[in-house]
Every structure is written in structure tokens, then in C-alpha cells.
Amino acid sequence: MKEALNGISTQTLKPKEVIIINDCSDISYTPVLDAIEKLNARHIILEKRSGANRARNVGIQESFGEVVAFLDDDDIWLPNYLSEISSQYRDGADAVVTGFRQLGNESIVVVNQDTEVTKSSLLRGNTYCGMSGFSCKKEIIEELLFDEQLPNGQDWDMFVRLLLGNYNFRNISKELFLYRFQNADGIGAKLRTLKPKDIVHRLASANKHREFLGDFWYKKRVCDQILFSLKHKKNRLSWIVLAVRLTGIKATANFFFNMVKRKLLNKPMSI
């Protein structure tokens, strides 16, 4: 968290307010209390652990600025992040996403070249960024809020809802923050320990937007989520059987075809 707070303090355009939502963290905040005080940040501790979506919604409701920008505590905004997104809002944007660099391996850059968030990009998943590169006008995000029933995919779900609402949703094709990819206790690591029966609830965002996705992209998204990080999982055959049962042989075969293609081209999976 200290790196994230330092990233805020070095912004060329200073934020009007900083709100930290502590979702009953097991990690002590004592080492960063000075940094929190330096930013004059509000530190709100939730009464019980409620999950990322609830924490973000509390932050939205507690904020008073015209634009709400989100930052996960393990990511870092680059110094020009706020100034870059601010110019988009002055130009009429309702919401903004940006590209990023991989923290610890900054030569890896993930940037979508769209100038506006498009359906074609969202059909392929979240090909833009995670929450640390997302911001939105308060009056809009306060109306939509994050779906607290979703265990994952809340960023993609929000992006789809903004697109379907015909908001002016822009993408800045620049790397403006550092994203911590696959940290040891992150989502990716946790998914590797799941049993096949436990993955079903994690398909909620795809099921929610099945009509938006259409048959092909729905099956691809579900198959990708089931077989994600397959080489690290136990009982691989049971995962493959589940993919075939829920998405069919064609979608499952396409997953493995694309996996071999990426390996031959030495190309990583897109986000």
C-alpha cells in the first residue's frame, strides 16, 4: 500500500480527496499511517469484511468529487495519471480507462488502441485494464454501483453496463499506471487451488451478460475461465470434462488451439 500512496502523492495534478476503504484487512496499516496523514486521506474501516465490490461502493458513496478514480492498494499510478484522465473529462468523457505497465517488469506494456471502449473489445473480455485504470463521473457510477453479487469480473461487468448505457466511455492508449500481475496471494493463484465444482459461481458475470456476448463469445469466455492456468491445476481431466459439458467440444478445442498458437508465437494471453 505504501507504494500506492506514494504514487498518489507524486501526481502532477493533486486529487481533491483521497478515501481509503479498509475491508477489515489482516495486514496492519500502522506502517503507512504517516503516508495516509500526509495525503490528508480519510481512512474508513468497514464493520465486517464485505468484498471488493462493497468496499468500492462505500468509497463512491462517501466521495464528494465530480469524478471517482479507483486504485487497488497493490498498484501504482504514474505521475501523470490524474492529469491525463482529467483532460478527458474536461473534453466531455463520462468514464475513462487507460493502459498500463506490468509492475516489476515494466518492459511489458498492455495498451488497447481504441479511443473509445467498444463492444468488439469487450466481447473478448476485459482487454483494457483493471480497476486501477478506471474512473467515472460520480453521478453515473453512483447510479450504477458495482454488482456486489459478483465474486469476480466486476470491472468487465461495469464496462459492459457503461457501454450498454451509451455513455461517453473513453480509452487512453497510454500506459498510465503500474499493475501488479499475479502476486502470490492474488486471484490467479487462488484459482489454481479451486475444485471444478467451485468454479461455477465465478461464471456469474458471463451468465449475467450472456445476451450481450452471444453464443460464441459466451462459450469462449466460460471455457477460458474454466481452463485458466490449467497446467497448474490438479485433476486436469475433470476440468476439461467440465469445459466440454458447459461449453461444448468446439469451444474447448478452440481453447487448446489458441493455447498452442500462443505458445508457438510466444504470445501471452491478453487480459
Protein backbone atom coordinates (compact mmCIF):
# COMPACT_ATOMS: atom_id res chain seq x y z
CA MET A 1 0.00 0.00 0.00
CA LYS A 2 2.85 2.40 0.72
CA GLU A 3 3.88 2.40 -2.96
CA ALA A 4 0.28 3.13 -3.99
CA LEU A 5 0.08 6.06 -1.56
CA ASN A 6 3.42 7.41 -2.76
CA GLY A 7 2.10 7.23 -6.33
CA ILE A 8 -0.83 9.43 -5.32
CA SER A 9 1.44 11.94 -3.60
CA THR A 10 3.61 12.34 -6.72
CA GLN A 11 0.72 13.17 -9.07
CA THR A 12 1.29 16.30 -11.14
CA LEU A 13 -2.42 17.04 -10.64
CA LYS A 14 -3.29 16.57 -6.98
CA PRO A 15 -6.56 14.80 -6.08
CA LYS A 16 -9.22 16.80 -4.25
CA GLU A 17 -9.72 13.95 -1.79
CA VAL A 18 -8.33 10.51 -1.02
CA ILE A 19 -10.53 7.86 0.58
CA ILE A 20 -9.08 4.57 1.78
CA ILE A 21 -11.54 1.75 2.35
CA ASN A 22 -10.17 -0.86 4.72
CA ASP A 23 -12.13 -4.08 4.17
CA CYS A 24 -11.11 -5.49 7.56
CA SER A 25 -7.62 -6.21 6.27
CA ASP A 26 -5.45 -8.75 8.07
CA ILE A 27 -2.45 -6.53 7.33
CA SER A 28 -1.63 -3.77 9.80
CA TYR A 29 -1.92 -0.22 8.47
CA THR A 30 0.47 1.10 11.11
CA PRO A 31 3.49 1.34 8.74
CA VAL A 32 1.52 3.58 6.35
CA LEU A 33 -0.29 5.84 8.83
CA ASP A 34 2.21 8.64 8.19
CA ALA A 35 1.64 8.40 4.43
CA ILE A 36 -2.12 8.44 4.97
CA GLU A 37 -1.83 11.53 7.16
CA LYS A 38 0.44 13.24 4.63
CA LEU A 39 -2.26 12.84 1.97
CA ASN A 40 -4.93 14.04 4.42
CA ALA A 41 -6.79 10.89 3.44
CA ARG A 42 -9.95 9.55 5.03
CA HIS A 43 -9.45 6.02 6.34
CA ILE A 44 -12.74 4.15 6.58
CA ILE A 45 -12.74 0.71 8.21
CA LEU A 46 -15.74 -1.46 7.32
CA GLU A 47 -17.56 -3.16 10.19
CA LYS A 48 -17.08 -6.58 8.60
CA ARG A 49 -15.25 -7.99 5.60
CA SER A 50 -17.57 -7.40 2.66
CA GLY A 51 -15.51 -7.84 -0.51
CA ALA A 52 -14.04 -5.50 -3.11
CA ASN A 53 -17.35 -4.54 -4.71
CA ARG A 54 -18.89 -3.42 -1.43
CA ALA A 55 -15.70 -1.55 -0.47
CA ARG A 56 -15.73 0.36 -3.77
CA ASN A 57 -19.41 1.19 -3.41
CA VAL A 58 -18.78 2.62 0.06
CA GLY A 59 -15.97 4.73 -1.40
CA ILE A 60 -18.28 6.01 -4.13
CA GLN A 61 -20.99 6.98 -1.67
CA GLU A 62 -18.52 8.68 0.69
CA SER A 63 -16.85 10.76 -2.04
CA PHE A 64 -17.82 14.31 -2.93
CA GLY A 65 -15.80 15.00 -6.09
CA GLU A 66 -17.22 15.09 -9.61
CA VAL A 67 -15.04 12.16 -10.75
CA VAL A 68 -14.18 8.98 -8.85
CA ALA A 69 -10.87 7.27 -9.71
CA PHE A 70 -10.11 3.83 -8.28
CA LEU A 71 -6.76 2.45 -7.14
CA ASP A 72 -6.07 -1.01 -5.75
CA ASP A 73 -3.55 -0.97 -2.93
CA ASP A 74 -1.01 -3.12 -4.80
CA ASP A 75 -0.90 -0.96 -7.96
CA ILE A 76 0.75 2.41 -8.60
CA TRP A 77 -0.41 5.43 -10.59
CA LEU A 78 2.31 7.02 -12.69
CA PRO A 79 2.75 10.78 -12.02
CA ASN A 80 0.66 11.95 -14.99
CA TYR A 81 -2.29 9.60 -14.39
CA LEU A 82 -4.73 12.14 -12.93
CA SER A 83 -3.75 14.92 -15.33
CA GLU A 84 -4.30 12.65 -18.33
CA ILE A 85 -7.74 11.46 -17.29
CA SER A 86 -8.74 14.96 -16.17
CA SER A 87 -8.24 16.28 -19.70
CA GLN A 88 -10.67 13.63 -20.98
CA TYR A 89 -13.36 14.72 -18.53
CA ARG A 90 -12.90 18.36 -19.48
CA ASP A 91 -13.47 17.20 -23.07
CA GLY A 92 -16.79 15.54 -22.22
CA ALA A 93 -15.96 11.98 -21.12
CA ASP A 94 -18.29 10.15 -18.74
CA ALA A 95 -15.83 7.36 -17.89
CA VAL A 96 -12.21 6.57 -18.77
CA VAL A 97 -9.88 3.57 -18.87
CA THR A 98 -6.14 3.55 -19.60
CA GLY A 99 -3.27 1.23 -20.46
CA PHE A 100 -0.60 0.05 -18.01
CA ARG A 101 2.86 -1.40 -17.49
CA GLN A 102 3.50 -4.59 -15.54
CA LEU A 103 4.94 -3.75 -12.14
CA GLY A 104 8.34 -5.39 -11.73
CA ASN A 105 8.67 -5.98 -15.46
CA GLU A 106 7.98 -2.55 -16.90
CA SER A 107 9.02 -3.56 -20.42
CA ILE A 108 5.66 -5.35 -20.68
CA VAL A 109 3.08 -2.81 -21.79
CA VAL A 110 -0.64 -3.51 -22.21
CA VAL A 111 -2.44 -0.84 -24.22
CA ASN A 112 -5.68 -1.17 -26.20
CA GLN A 113 -5.56 1.13 -29.24
CA ASP A 114 -9.29 2.01 -29.10
CA THR A 115 -10.06 5.67 -28.49
CA GLU A 116 -13.46 4.69 -27.12
CA VAL A 117 -14.44 1.49 -25.33
CA THR A 118 -16.02 -0.78 -27.94
CA LYS A 119 -18.26 -3.83 -27.97
CA SER A 120 -15.78 -5.72 -30.15
CA SER A 121 -13.08 -5.34 -27.48
CA LEU A 122 -15.39 -6.21 -24.57
CA LEU A 123 -16.63 -9.34 -26.32
CA ARG A 124 -13.08 -10.65 -25.98
CA GLY A 125 -13.12 -9.86 -22.26
CA ASN A 126 -11.50 -7.04 -20.36
CA THR A 127 -8.89 -6.03 -22.92
CA TYR A 128 -8.39 -2.60 -21.31
CA CYS A 129 -7.27 -2.62 -17.67
CA GLY A 130 -8.18 -3.46 -14.11
CA MET A 131 -9.77 -1.11 -11.62
CA SER A 132 -6.63 0.97 -11.05
CA GLY A 133 -7.01 2.40 -14.54
CA PHE A 134 -10.75 3.10 -14.32
CA SER A 135 -12.52 6.32 -13.40
CA CYS A 136 -16.04 7.61 -13.85
CA LYS A 137 -18.22 10.63 -13.13
CA LYS A 138 -19.66 10.28 -9.64
CA GLU A 139 -23.25 10.94 -10.71
CA ILE A 140 -23.04 7.98 -13.12
CA ILE A 141 -21.10 5.48 -11.01
CA GLU A 142 -23.29 6.31 -8.00
CA GLU A 143 -26.32 5.31 -10.06
CA LEU A 144 -24.78 2.11 -11.44
CA LEU A 145 -22.64 0.95 -8.48
CA PHE A 146 -20.68 -2.30 -8.56
CA ASP A 147 -22.63 -5.54 -8.50
CA GLU A 148 -21.97 -6.92 -5.03
CA GLN A 149 -23.31 -10.34 -6.04
CA LEU A 150 -20.43 -10.91 -8.46
CA PRO A 151 -17.43 -12.76 -6.98
CA ASN A 152 -15.21 -11.63 -9.88
CA GLY A 153 -15.35 -9.81 -13.22
CA GLN A 154 -16.70 -6.64 -11.62
CA ASP A 155 -14.55 -4.44 -13.86
CA TRP A 156 -15.76 -6.09 -17.07
CA ASP A 157 -19.37 -6.05 -15.83
CA MET A 158 -19.14 -2.30 -15.13
CA PHE A 159 -17.55 -1.63 -18.52
CA VAL A 160 -20.33 -3.54 -20.30
CA ARG A 161 -23.03 -1.67 -18.41
CA LEU A 162 -21.45 1.69 -19.26
CA LEU A 163 -21.26 0.69 -22.92
CA LEU A 164 -24.88 -0.51 -22.99
CA GLY A 165 -25.91 2.75 -21.30
CA ASN A 166 -24.43 4.70 -24.25
CA TYR A 167 -22.17 6.74 -22.01
CA ASN A 168 -19.16 8.60 -23.40
CA PHE A 169 -16.68 5.90 -22.35
CA ARG A 170 -13.13 6.61 -23.49
CA ASN A 171 -9.85 4.75 -23.55
CA ILE A 172 -6.47 6.45 -23.26
CA SER A 173 -4.00 4.45 -25.31
CA LYS A 174 -1.10 5.14 -22.96
CA GLU A 175 0.40 3.22 -20.06
CA LEU A 176 -0.52 5.38 -17.07
CA PHE A 177 -0.18 3.03 -14.12
CA LEU A 178 1.78 0.02 -12.90
CA TYR A 179 -0.21 -3.17 -12.47
CA ARG A 180 0.94 -5.92 -10.12
CA PHE A 181 0.35 -9.09 -12.11
CA GLN A 182 -0.24 -12.47 -10.46
CA ASN A 183 1.03 -11.67 -6.98
CA ALA A 184 1.48 -14.68 -4.71
CA ASP A 185 -1.87 -14.31 -2.91
CA GLY A 186 -3.76 -12.86 -5.86
CA ILE A 187 -6.81 -14.12 -7.73
CA GLY A 188 -4.79 -16.10 -10.26
CA ALA A 189 -3.00 -18.02 -7.53
CA LYS A 190 -6.26 -18.76 -5.72
CA LEU A 191 -7.92 -20.04 -8.90
CA ARG A 192 -5.27 -22.73 -9.22
CA THR A 193 -6.42 -24.31 -5.96
CA LEU A 194 -10.14 -24.41 -6.78
CA LYS A 195 -12.01 -27.61 -7.45
CA PRO A 196 -14.14 -27.85 -10.63
CA LYS A 197 -17.39 -27.58 -8.65
CA ASP A 198 -16.19 -24.30 -7.13
CA ILE A 199 -15.71 -22.50 -10.45
CA VAL A 200 -19.40 -22.34 -11.36
CA HIS A 201 -20.16 -19.31 -9.17
CA ARG A 202 -17.27 -17.48 -10.83
CA LEU A 203 -19.12 -17.62 -14.15
CA ALA A 204 -21.73 -15.17 -12.86
CA SER A 205 -20.58 -12.18 -14.94
CA ALA A 206 -20.69 -14.22 -18.15
CA ASN A 207 -24.15 -15.53 -17.28
CA LYS A 208 -25.33 -12.01 -16.45
CA HIS A 209 -24.29 -10.72 -19.88
CA ARG A 210 -25.00 -13.83 -21.96
CA GLU A 211 -27.23 -11.91 -24.35
CA PHE A 212 -24.54 -9.24 -24.85
CA LEU A 213 -21.90 -11.89 -25.53
CA GLY A 214 -23.87 -14.07 -27.90
CA ASP A 215 -23.36 -17.83 -28.17
CA PHE A 216 -19.77 -17.90 -29.49
CA TRP A 217 -18.27 -15.35 -27.11
CA TYR A 218 -20.26 -16.64 -24.14
CA LYS A 219 -18.91 -20.15 -24.60
CA LYS A 220 -15.39 -18.84 -25.19
CA ARG A 221 -15.47 -16.71 -22.03
CA VAL A 222 -16.80 -19.56 -19.88
CA CYS A 223 -14.31 -22.04 -21.36
CA ASP A 224 -11.40 -19.64 -20.80
CA GLN A 225 -12.43 -19.17 -17.16
CA ILE A 226 -12.75 -22.91 -16.55
CA LEU A 227 -9.43 -23.83 -18.15
CA PHE A 228 -7.44 -20.80 -16.95
CA SER A 229 -3.99 -21.85 -15.68
CA LEU A 230 -4.83 -25.49 -16.41
CA LYS A 231 -1.20 -26.64 -16.21
CA HIS A 232 -1.08 -25.63 -12.54
CA LYS A 233 -4.30 -27.40 -11.57
CA LYS A 234 -4.86 -30.85 -10.15
CA ASN A 235 -7.22 -33.34 -11.84
CA ARG A 236 -6.84 -31.62 -15.22
CA LEU A 237 -9.10 -34.12 -16.95
CA SER A 238 -12.01 -33.20 -14.69
CA TRP A 239 -11.55 -29.53 -15.66
CA ILE A 240 -11.56 -30.41 -19.35
CA VAL A 241 -14.68 -32.56 -18.89
CA LEU A 242 -16.41 -29.62 -17.18
CA ALA A 243 -15.46 -27.30 -20.04
CA VAL A 244 -16.89 -29.72 -22.59
CA ARG A 245 -20.07 -30.16 -20.55
CA LEU A 246 -20.72 -26.42 -20.17
CA THR A 247 -19.40 -25.07 -23.48
CA GLY A 248 -19.18 -28.00 -25.91
CA ILE A 249 -16.38 -29.76 -27.76
CA LYS A 250 -15.86 -26.96 -30.29
CA ALA A 251 -15.24 -24.21 -27.72
CA THR A 252 -12.94 -26.49 -25.72
CA ALA A 253 -10.98 -27.49 -28.82
CA ASN A 254 -10.64 -23.81 -29.78
CA PHE A 255 -9.17 -23.09 -26.34
CA PHE A 256 -6.39 -25.62 -26.85
CA PHE A 257 -5.82 -24.50 -30.44
CA ASN A 258 -5.36 -20.91 -29.27
CA MET A 259 -3.12 -22.06 -26.42
CA VAL A 260 -0.80 -23.89 -28.83
CA LYS A 261 -0.87 -20.92 -31.20
CA ARG A 262 0.17 -18.53 -28.41
CA LYS A 263 3.00 -20.83 -27.40
CA LEU A 264 4.30 -21.12 -30.97
CA LEU A 265 4.13 -17.34 -31.42
CA ASN A 266 5.47 -16.76 -27.88
CA LYS A 267 2.49 -14.51 -27.25
CA PRO A 268 0.93 -14.24 -23.76
CA MET A 269 -2.79 -14.32 -23.12
CA SER A 270 -4.43 -10.89 -23.32
CA ILE A 271 -6.08 -9.55 -20.18
